[in-house]
C-alpha cells in the first residue's frame, strides 16, 4: 500500500491513494483537511496560469506605449542615473 503526503499551507497529512481518484477532487471518504487542501490546489491550478496570462498582456500593452524615439535616449541615460544614485 502506497502512502501519499499532501503538503499545502504547512499541513502534512498521510492519505491512502484510494481515497481520491484525482489530486484535486476529494472523494466522500477523504479527510476534511485533505479535502480542503485539494480544493486549494484546484484553485491554484487555475489561478496561476490566469495571473501569468494577465502579466503577459500587461507587459505587451506597456511595451507598446513606449515611443521608439525615446528608447535610445532612455538606454543611454539609465547607467548615468544608476551612477548618480550610487554616489
C-alpha atoms as a PDB file:
ATOM      1  CA  UNK A   1       0.000   0.000   0.000  1.00  0.00           C
ATOM      2  CA  UNK A   2       1.374   3.422  -1.008  1.00  0.00           C
ATOM      3  CA  UNK A   3       1.076   6.451   1.242  1.00  0.00           C
ATOM      4  CA  UNK A   4       0.915   9.936  -0.286  1.00  0.00           C
ATOM      5  CA  UNK A   5       1.813  13.153   1.526  1.00  0.00           C
ATOM      6  CA  UNK A   6      -0.213  16.289   0.849  1.00  0.00           C
ATOM      7  CA  UNK A   7       1.675  19.485   1.664  1.00  0.00           C
ATOM      8  CA  UNK A   8      -0.167  22.795   1.447  1.00  0.00           C
ATOM      9  CA  UNK A   9      -0.049  25.713   3.844  1.00  0.00           C
ATOM     10  CA  UNK A  10       2.282  23.851   6.187  1.00  0.00           C
ATOM     11  CA  UNK A  11      -0.070  20.869   6.720  1.00  0.00           C
ATOM     12  CA  UNK A  12       1.257  17.353   6.305  1.00  0.00           C
ATOM     13  CA  UNK A  13      -1.322  14.606   6.056  1.00  0.00           C
ATOM     14  CA  UNK A  14      -0.905  10.972   5.092  1.00  0.00           C
ATOM     15  CA  UNK A  15      -3.672   9.557   2.928  1.00  0.00           C
ATOM     16  CA  UNK A  16      -4.381   6.328   1.160  1.00  0.00           C
ATOM     17  CA  UNK A  17      -4.278   6.927  -2.630  1.00  0.00           C
ATOM     18  CA  UNK A  18      -7.560   5.017  -2.955  1.00  0.00           C
ATOM     19  CA  UNK A  19      -9.264   7.866  -1.076  1.00  0.00           C
ATOM     20  CA  UNK A  20      -9.344  10.149  -4.094  1.00  0.00           C
ATOM     21  CA  UNK A  21      -9.295   9.376  -7.819  1.00  0.00           C
ATOM     22  CA  UNK A  22      -7.667  12.707  -8.668  1.00  0.00           C
ATOM     23  CA  UNK A  23      -5.253  15.055  -6.901  1.00  0.00           C
ATOM     24  CA  UNK A  24      -7.783  17.901  -6.893  1.00  0.00           C
ATOM     25  CA  UNK A  25     -11.150  16.114  -6.489  1.00  0.00           C
ATOM     26  CA  UNK A  26     -11.834  14.874  -2.956  1.00  0.00           C
ATOM     27  CA  UNK A  27     -13.879  11.711  -2.555  1.00  0.00           C
ATOM     28  CA  UNK A  28     -16.522  11.227   0.152  1.00  0.00           C
ATOM     29  CA  UNK A  29     -14.025   9.347   2.355  1.00  0.00           C
ATOM     30  CA  UNK A  30     -11.267  11.961   2.067  1.00  0.00           C
ATOM     31  CA  UNK A  31     -10.478  13.582   5.444  1.00  0.00           C
ATOM     32  CA  UNK A  32     -11.749  17.197   5.703  1.00  0.00           C
ATOM     33  CA  UNK A  33      -8.295  18.812   5.984  1.00  0.00           C
ATOM     34  CA  UNK A  34      -7.051  16.905   2.923  1.00  0.00           C
ATOM     35  CA  UNK A  35     -10.211  17.823   1.001  1.00  0.00           C
ATOM     36  CA  UNK A  36      -9.609  21.490   1.831  1.00  0.00           C
ATOM     37  CA  UNK A  37      -6.020  21.205   0.598  1.00  0.00           C
ATOM     38  CA  UNK A  38      -7.251  19.564  -2.617  1.00  0.00           C
ATOM     39  CA  UNK A  39      -9.722  22.407  -3.214  1.00  0.00           C
ATOM     40  CA  UNK A  40      -6.925  24.943  -2.703  1.00  0.00           C
ATOM     41  CA  UNK A  41      -4.756  23.032  -5.166  1.00  0.00           C
ATOM     42  CA  UNK A  42      -7.556  23.037  -7.743  1.00  0.00           C
ATOM     43  CA  UNK A  43      -7.957  26.805  -7.340  1.00  0.00           C
ATOM     44  CA  UNK A  44      -4.197  27.399  -7.656  1.00  0.00           C
ATOM     45  CA  UNK A  45      -4.021  25.287 -10.821  1.00  0.00           C
ATOM     46  CA  UNK A  46      -6.398  27.772 -12.466  1.00  0.00           C
ATOM     47  CA  UNK A  47      -5.221  30.985 -10.792  1.00  0.00           C
ATOM     48  CA  UNK A  48      -1.508  30.717 -11.594  1.00  0.00           C
ATOM     49  CA  UNK A  49      -1.912  30.414 -15.403  1.00  0.00           C
ATOM     50  CA  UNK A  50      -4.559  33.158 -15.380  1.00  0.00           C
ATOM     51  CA  UNK A  51      -2.280  35.551 -13.470  1.00  0.00           C
ATOM     52  CA  UNK A  52       0.623  34.677 -15.770  1.00  0.00           C
ATOM     53  CA  UNK A  53      -1.511  35.476 -18.823  1.00  0.00           C
ATOM     54  CA  UNK A  54      -2.501  38.801 -17.241  1.00  0.00           C
ATOM     55  CA  UNK A  55       1.156  39.686 -16.728  1.00  0.00           C
ATOM     56  CA  UNK A  56       1.975  38.850 -20.356  1.00  0.00           C
ATOM     57  CA  UNK A  57      -0.886  41.010 -21.629  1.00  0.00           C
ATOM     58  CA  UNK A  58       0.028  43.934 -19.362  1.00  0.00           C
ATOM     59  CA  UNK A  59       3.698  43.816 -20.335  1.00  0.00           C
ATOM     60  CA  UNK A  60       2.739  43.785 -24.021  1.00  0.00           C
ATOM     61  CA  UNK A  61       0.409  46.756 -23.543  1.00  0.00           C
ATOM     62  CA  UNK A  62       3.019  48.748 -21.650  1.00  0.00           C
ATOM     63  CA  UNK A  63       5.695  47.830 -24.172  1.00  0.00           C
ATOM     64  CA  UNK A  64       3.536  49.248 -26.956  1.00  0.00           C
ATOM     65  CA  UNK A  65       3.211  52.561 -25.124  1.00  0.00           C
ATOM     66  CA  UNK A  66       6.931  53.321 -25.381  1.00  0.00           C
ATOM     67  CA  UNK A  67       7.911  55.703 -28.111  1.00  0.00           C
ATOM     68  CA  UNK A  68      10.688  54.390 -30.360  1.00  0.00           C
ATOM     69  CA  UNK A  69      12.465  57.748 -30.404  1.00  0.00           C
ATOM     70  CA  UNK A  70      12.731  57.797 -26.627  1.00  0.00           C
ATOM     71  CA  UNK A  71      14.057  54.259 -26.215  1.00  0.00           C
ATOM     72  CA  UNK A  72      17.639  55.032 -27.259  1.00  0.00           C
ATOM     73  CA  UNK A  73      17.779  58.088 -25.007  1.00  0.00           C
ATOM     74  CA  UNK A  74      16.487  56.018 -22.089  1.00  0.00           C
ATOM     75  CA  UNK A  75      19.016  53.272 -22.710  1.00  0.00           C
ATOM     76  CA  UNK A  76      21.891  55.756 -22.792  1.00  0.00           C
ATOM     77  CA  UNK A  77      20.864  57.743 -19.699  1.00  0.00           C
ATOM     78  CA  UNK A  78      19.982  54.814 -17.416  1.00  0.00           C
ATOM     79  CA  UNK A  79      23.599  53.905 -16.464  1.00  0.00           C
ATOM     80  CA  UNK A  80      24.241  57.584 -15.624  1.00  0.00           C
ATOM     81  CA  UNK A  81      21.236  57.639 -13.302  1.00  0.00           C
ATOM     82  CA  UNK A  82      22.459  54.488 -11.595  1.00  0.00           C
ATOM     83  CA  UNK A  83      25.898  56.011 -11.042  1.00  0.00           C
ATOM     84  CA  UNK A  84      24.400  59.247  -9.657  1.00  0.00           C
ATOM     85  CA  UNK A  85      22.151  57.281  -7.310  1.00  0.00           C
ATOM     86  CA  UNK A  86      25.084  55.201  -6.049  1.00  0.00           C
ATOM     87  CA  UNK A  87      27.217  58.262  -5.339  1.00  0.00           C
END
